[in-house]
C-alpha atoms as a PDB file:
ATOM      1  CA  MET A   1       5.990  -6.343  -6.092  1.00  0.00           C
ATOM      2  CA  SER A   2       3.646  -3.994  -4.264  1.00  0.00           C
ATOM      3  CA  PHE A   3       0.822  -5.279  -2.121  1.00  0.00           C
ATOM      4  CA  GLN A   4      -1.691  -3.852  -4.596  1.00  0.00           C
ATOM      5  CA  ALA A   5       0.138  -5.536  -7.492  1.00  0.00           C
ATOM      6  CA  TYR A   6      -0.310  -8.901  -5.776  1.00  0.00           C
ATOM      7  CA  LEU A   7      -4.057  -8.288  -5.582  1.00  0.00           C
ATOM      8  CA  ASP A   8      -4.218  -7.092  -9.188  1.00  0.00           C
ATOM      9  CA  ASN A   9      -2.345 -10.203 -10.350  1.00  0.00           C
ATOM     10  CA  ILE A  10      -4.750 -12.424  -8.425  1.00  0.00           C
ATOM     11  CA  GLU A  11      -7.624 -10.766 -10.257  1.00  0.00           C
ATOM     12  CA  LYS A  12      -5.930 -11.322 -13.631  1.00  0.00           C
ATOM     13  CA  LYS A  13      -5.333 -14.985 -12.823  1.00  0.00           C
ATOM     14  CA  THR A  14      -8.749 -15.812 -11.366  1.00  0.00           C
ATOM     15  CA  GLY A  15     -11.141 -13.229 -12.784  1.00  0.00           C
ATOM     16  CA  LEU A  16     -12.256 -12.401  -9.238  1.00  0.00           C
ATOM     17  CA  THR A  17     -11.709  -9.112  -7.462  1.00  0.00           C
ATOM     18  CA  PRO A  18     -10.264  -9.053  -3.967  1.00  0.00           C
ATOM     19  CA  ARG A  19     -13.678  -8.005  -2.632  1.00  0.00           C
ATOM     20  CA  GLN A  20     -15.220 -11.086  -4.222  1.00  0.00           C
ATOM     21  CA  PHE A  21     -12.609 -13.204  -2.448  1.00  0.00           C
ATOM     22  CA  VAL A  22     -13.484 -11.536   0.855  1.00  0.00           C
ATOM     23  CA  ASP A  23     -17.148 -12.385   0.250  1.00  0.00           C
ATOM     24  CA  LEU A  24     -16.307 -15.995  -0.671  1.00  0.00           C
ATOM     25  CA  ALA A  25     -14.093 -16.296   2.406  1.00  0.00           C
ATOM     26  CA  THR A  26     -16.918 -15.008   4.601  1.00  0.00           C
ATOM     27  CA  GLU A  27     -19.245 -17.631   3.128  1.00  0.00           C
ATOM     28  CA  LYS A  28     -16.666 -20.290   4.087  1.00  0.00           C
ATOM     29  CA  GLY A  29     -16.471 -18.935   7.632  1.00  0.00           C
ATOM     30  CA  PHE A  30     -13.090 -17.208   7.227  1.00  0.00           C
ATOM     31  CA  GLY A  31     -12.535 -13.720   8.605  1.00  0.00           C
ATOM     32  CA  PRO A  32     -10.847 -11.857  11.447  1.00  0.00           C
ATOM     33  CA  GLY A  33      -9.211 -14.348  13.778  1.00  0.00           C
ATOM     34  CA  THR A  34      -8.871 -17.091  11.164  1.00  0.00           C
ATOM     35  CA  LYS A  35      -5.386 -18.573  10.943  1.00  0.00           C
ATOM     36  CA  SER A  36      -3.665 -18.331   7.568  1.00  0.00           C
ATOM     37  CA  THR A  37      -3.245 -22.089   6.986  1.00  0.00           C
ATOM     38  CA  PRO A  38      -6.859 -22.969   6.096  1.00  0.00           C
ATOM     39  CA  ILE A  39      -7.233 -19.860   3.928  1.00  0.00           C
ATOM     40  CA  VAL A  40      -3.996 -20.583   2.037  1.00  0.00           C
ATOM     41  CA  ALA A  41      -5.070 -24.217   1.534  1.00  0.00           C
ATOM     42  CA  TRP A  42      -8.467 -23.129   0.173  1.00  0.00           C
ATOM     43  CA  LEU A  43      -6.891 -20.611  -2.205  1.00  0.00           C
ATOM     44  CA  LYS A  44      -4.373 -23.194  -3.452  1.00  0.00           C
ATOM     45  CA  GLU A  45      -6.951 -25.946  -3.902  1.00  0.00           C
ATOM     46  CA  ASP A  46      -9.717 -23.901  -5.516  1.00  0.00           C
ATOM     47  CA  TYR A  47      -7.725 -21.176  -7.346  1.00  0.00           C
ATOM     48  CA  ASP A  48      -4.150 -22.531  -7.634  1.00  0.00           C
ATOM     49  CA  LEU A  49      -2.711 -19.472  -5.871  1.00  0.00           C
ATOM     50  CA  GLY A  50       0.822 -19.662  -4.546  1.00  0.00           C
ATOM     51  CA  GLN A  51       1.904 -18.713  -1.038  1.00  0.00           C
ATOM     52  CA  GLY A  52       2.713 -15.032  -1.714  1.00  0.00           C
ATOM     53  CA  HIS A  53      -0.527 -14.279  -3.487  1.00  0.00           C
ATOM     54  CA  ALA A  54      -2.521 -16.254  -0.950  1.00  0.00           C
ATOM     55  CA  MET A  55      -0.916 -14.367   1.934  1.00  0.00           C
ATOM     56  CA  ALA A  56      -1.915 -11.057   0.347  1.00  0.00           C
ATOM     57  CA  LEU A  57      -5.522 -12.253   0.399  1.00  0.00           C
ATOM     58  CA  VAL A  58      -5.129 -13.623   3.915  1.00  0.00           C
ATOM     59  CA  HIS A  59      -4.269 -10.108   5.068  1.00  0.00           C
ATOM     60  CA  VAL A  60      -7.307  -8.612   3.353  1.00  0.00           C
ATOM     61  CA  ILE A  61      -9.620 -11.365   4.616  1.00  0.00           C
ATOM     62  CA  THR A  62      -8.429 -11.258   8.218  1.00  0.00           C
ATOM     63  CA  LYS A  63      -7.340  -7.624   8.678  1.00  0.00           C
ATOM     64  CA  GLY A  64      -9.129  -5.597   6.022  1.00  0.00           C
ATOM     65  CA  PRO A  65      -7.718  -3.355   3.287  1.00  0.00           C
ATOM     66  CA  THR A  66      -5.457  -1.147   5.422  1.00  0.00           C
ATOM     67  CA  ILE A  67      -1.730  -1.879   5.231  1.00  0.00           C
ATOM     68  CA  SER A  68       1.381  -0.522   6.925  1.00  0.00           C
ATOM     69  CA  THR A  69       2.653   2.819   5.675  1.00  0.00           C
ATOM     70  CA  LYS A  70       6.209   1.429   5.552  1.00  0.00           C
ATOM     71  CA  HIS A  71       6.305   1.233   1.745  1.00  0.00           C
ATOM     72  CA  VAL A  72       3.724   3.899   0.870  1.00  0.00           C
ATOM     73  CA  GLY A  73       5.190   6.484  -1.473  1.00  0.00           C
ATOM     74  CA  THR A  74       8.655   4.915  -1.560  1.00  0.00           C
ATOM     75  CA  ASP A  75      10.661   4.278  -4.717  1.00  0.00           C
ATOM     76  CA  GLY A  76      11.249   0.581  -4.092  1.00  0.00           C
ATOM     77  CA  ALA A  77       9.711  -2.438  -5.771  1.00  0.00           C
ATOM     78  CA  HIS A  78       7.311  -2.856  -2.846  1.00  0.00           C
ATOM     79  CA  SER A  79       5.949   0.696  -3.028  1.00  0.00           C
ATOM     80  CA  ASP A  80       2.211   1.250  -2.738  1.00  0.00           C
ATOM     81  CA  ALA A  81       0.427   4.491  -3.583  1.00  0.00           C
ATOM     82  CA  THR A  82      -1.699   4.463  -0.445  1.00  0.00           C
ATOM     83  CA  ASP A  83      -2.145   2.558   2.814  1.00  0.00           C
ATOM     84  CA  THR A  84      -5.601   1.411   1.731  1.00  0.00           C
ATOM     85  CA  LEU A  85      -5.781  -1.394  -0.801  1.00  0.00           C
ATOM     86  CA  TRP A  86      -8.296  -1.209  -3.639  1.00  0.00           C
ATOM     87  CA  LEU A  87     -10.545  -4.264  -3.511  1.00  0.00           C
ATOM     88  CA  ASP A  88     -12.992  -3.539  -6.326  1.00  0.00           C
ATOM     89  CA  GLY A  89     -10.918  -4.435  -9.376  1.00  0.00           C
ATOM     90  CA  ALA A  90      -7.856  -3.041 -11.099  1.00  0.00           C
ATOM     91  CA  ALA A  91      -9.846  -1.386 -13.877  1.00  0.00           C
ATOM     92  CA  THR A  92     -11.675   0.882 -11.448  1.00  0.00           C
ATOM     93  CA  ASN A  93      -8.732   1.723  -9.146  1.00  0.00           C
ATOM     94  CA  PRO A  94      -8.404   5.512  -8.903  1.00  0.00           C
ATOM     95  CA  ASN A  95      -4.760   5.090  -7.818  1.00  0.00           C
ATOM     96  CA  GLY A  96      -3.814   2.731 -10.620  1.00  0.00           C
END
């Protein structure tokens, strides 16, 4: 599954866009420098997200929307269209 697909699936499951999660995380005091454990626990407790989906949000919350170019434009299951994740909802993604 691509990184973007993880984020899109989170939105389908919760009804919240990745950007909304970033805002909620900021309100809780999470951001750059926060360890993954408290973020993963929050996402599991409040939104029933599993480890993989939670870790996708951890990246966005702590490092922003830019990802490695390793899988960008590849043919594999983990391929992403761009190295910048779309945080404003799957329906408005110009790369989707």
